[in-house]
């Protein structure tokens, strides 16, 4: 039996519990209804918990979808998650007001302008088809029909 793809939804801790977070997660649940979404804001009670579990988590997921603050910024944790997921050869997509997109650029703020909670801005590129994102994760795992 094929399991649903596991998609980790990376987003800044500064969005946890906000109307922005709820609205984006609700929209994403519709767009990726064939996947099981993993929301770190409900999974981890602290940064220490996330740091302890992340090495196990990253090898169990099939893809990562990132959303940012409304101004396009993310913190250091999101950058780490994206980099490690890319390092495992897994798909990463940005979810914004226009839908799923390729990550076109990541601009790390200069020293003195960045904080752990506001480290970089992320911009989207070409659209990503949700079915293709999930199919690529299934093919990578060898679960494709």
Protein backbone atom coordinates (compact mmCIF):
# COMPACT_ATOMS: atom_id res chain seq x y z
CA UNK A 1 0.00 0.00 0.00
CA UNK A 2 1.33 3.42 -0.98
CA UNK A 3 1.34 6.03 1.76
CA UNK A 4 0.51 9.65 1.14
CA UNK A 5 3.57 11.85 0.50
CA UNK A 6 4.85 13.61 3.62
CA UNK A 7 5.31 17.33 2.99
CA UNK A 8 7.02 19.40 5.68
CA UNK A 9 5.60 22.94 5.78
CA UNK A 10 8.49 25.19 6.82
CA UNK A 11 7.55 28.66 7.99
CA UNK A 12 8.97 31.30 10.34
CA UNK A 13 8.31 30.88 14.04
CA UNK A 14 7.13 34.49 13.97
CA UNK A 15 4.07 33.29 12.00
CA UNK A 16 3.12 30.56 14.50
CA UNK A 17 -0.39 31.10 15.85
CA UNK A 18 -1.13 34.06 13.56
CA UNK A 19 -4.05 34.56 11.18
CA UNK A 20 -1.47 34.55 8.34
CA UNK A 21 -0.29 31.07 9.34
CA UNK A 22 -3.84 29.71 9.58
CA UNK A 23 -4.86 31.18 6.22
CA UNK A 24 -1.79 29.82 4.41
CA UNK A 25 -2.05 26.36 6.01
CA UNK A 26 -5.74 26.18 5.07
CA UNK A 27 -4.98 27.11 1.43
CA UNK A 28 -2.05 24.70 1.29
CA UNK A 29 -4.21 21.84 2.62
CA UNK A 30 -6.48 22.31 -0.41
CA UNK A 31 -3.64 22.62 -2.94
CA UNK A 32 -1.80 19.55 -1.56
CA UNK A 33 -4.84 17.52 -0.46
CA UNK A 34 -3.17 14.28 -1.63
CA UNK A 35 -0.31 14.81 0.84
CA UNK A 36 0.06 14.59 4.57
CA UNK A 37 1.25 18.02 5.73
CA UNK A 38 3.64 18.26 8.65
CA UNK A 39 3.27 21.54 10.54
CA UNK A 40 6.24 22.23 12.83
CA UNK A 41 4.22 24.81 14.81
CA UNK A 42 2.08 22.00 16.24
CA UNK A 43 4.84 19.41 16.35
CA UNK A 44 7.53 21.14 18.38
CA UNK A 45 7.18 23.00 21.69
CA UNK A 46 10.61 24.64 21.45
CA UNK A 47 13.61 25.26 19.23
CA UNK A 48 15.52 22.67 21.27
CA UNK A 49 12.85 20.04 20.47
CA UNK A 50 13.05 20.92 16.77
CA UNK A 51 16.86 20.76 16.78
CA UNK A 52 16.79 17.34 18.47
CA UNK A 53 14.19 15.90 16.07
CA UNK A 54 15.12 17.55 12.75
CA UNK A 55 17.83 15.02 11.75
CA UNK A 56 15.22 12.23 12.02
CA UNK A 57 12.49 14.29 10.36
CA UNK A 58 14.47 15.31 7.28
CA UNK A 59 15.02 11.68 6.23
CA UNK A 60 11.32 10.80 6.54
CA UNK A 61 9.78 13.60 4.47
CA UNK A 62 9.21 13.59 0.72
CA UNK A 63 9.22 17.32 0.03
CA UNK A 64 9.37 20.69 1.75
CA UNK A 65 7.05 23.62 1.09
CA UNK A 66 8.05 26.96 2.55
CA UNK A 67 5.97 30.01 3.23
CA UNK A 68 7.31 33.28 4.54
CA UNK A 69 6.14 36.26 6.51
CA UNK A 70 3.89 38.47 4.35
CA UNK A 71 6.96 40.62 3.55
CA UNK A 72 8.83 37.59 2.13
CA UNK A 73 11.21 37.11 5.05
CA UNK A 74 12.21 33.92 6.86
CA UNK A 75 14.44 33.09 9.80
CA UNK A 76 17.55 31.00 10.15
CA UNK A 77 15.58 27.83 10.91
CA UNK A 78 13.79 27.96 7.55
CA UNK A 79 17.12 28.44 5.75
CA UNK A 80 18.55 25.39 7.52
CA UNK A 81 15.51 23.30 6.65
CA UNK A 82 15.64 24.27 2.97
CA UNK A 83 19.40 23.69 2.70
CA UNK A 84 19.26 20.26 4.32
CA UNK A 85 16.26 19.16 2.25
CA UNK A 86 18.04 20.27 -0.93
CA UNK A 87 21.10 18.39 0.33
CA UNK A 88 19.04 15.20 0.45
CA UNK A 89 17.93 15.82 -3.14
CA UNK A 90 14.30 16.41 -2.17
CA UNK A 91 11.96 18.90 -3.83
CA UNK A 92 11.50 22.33 -2.26
CA UNK A 93 8.79 24.79 -3.26
CA UNK A 94 7.68 28.21 -2.08
CA UNK A 95 3.99 28.79 -1.42
CA UNK A 96 2.84 32.38 -1.83
CA UNK A 97 -0.26 34.30 -2.88
CA UNK A 98 0.07 32.94 -6.42
CA UNK A 99 0.45 29.29 -5.39
CA UNK A 100 3.36 26.85 -5.44
CA UNK A 101 6.51 28.22 -7.07
CA UNK A 102 10.14 27.29 -7.54
CA UNK A 103 12.49 29.04 -5.13
CA UNK A 104 14.08 31.62 -7.44
CA UNK A 105 16.30 33.38 -4.94
CA UNK A 106 17.29 33.53 -1.31
CA UNK A 107 18.87 36.82 -0.22
CA UNK A 108 20.60 36.68 3.16
CA UNK A 109 20.53 40.06 4.86
CA UNK A 110 23.86 41.76 5.63
CA UNK A 111 25.50 41.41 9.02
CA UNK A 112 23.87 43.85 11.40
CA UNK A 113 20.54 43.73 9.56
CA UNK A 114 19.66 40.11 10.23
CA UNK A 115 18.38 38.38 13.32
CA UNK A 116 17.66 34.67 13.92
CA UNK A 117 13.97 35.41 13.25
CA UNK A 118 14.58 37.63 10.19
CA UNK A 119 17.57 36.29 8.29
CA UNK A 120 16.71 36.35 4.58
CA UNK A 121 14.11 37.06 1.95
CA UNK A 122 12.86 34.35 -0.39
CA UNK A 123 11.40 34.97 -3.85
CA UNK A 124 9.46 32.60 -6.04
CA UNK A 125 10.03 31.78 -9.67
CA UNK A 126 8.12 29.58 -12.09
CA UNK A 127 4.91 27.88 -10.98
CA UNK A 128 5.16 24.33 -9.63
CA UNK A 129 2.36 21.91 -10.42
CA UNK A 130 1.23 20.30 -7.13
CA UNK A 131 0.74 16.90 -8.79
CA UNK A 132 4.26 17.07 -10.27
CA UNK A 133 5.76 17.99 -6.89
CA UNK A 134 4.09 14.97 -5.27
CA UNK A 135 4.83 12.66 -8.22
CA UNK A 136 8.53 13.52 -8.07
CA UNK A 137 8.60 12.60 -4.39
CA UNK A 138 6.83 9.29 -5.08
CA UNK A 139 9.18 8.50 -7.97
CA UNK A 140 12.20 9.24 -5.79
CA UNK A 141 10.90 6.78 -3.18
CA UNK A 142 10.01 4.20 -5.81
CA UNK A 143 6.28 4.30 -4.96
CA UNK A 144 5.12 5.57 -8.34
CA UNK A 145 2.37 3.52 -9.94
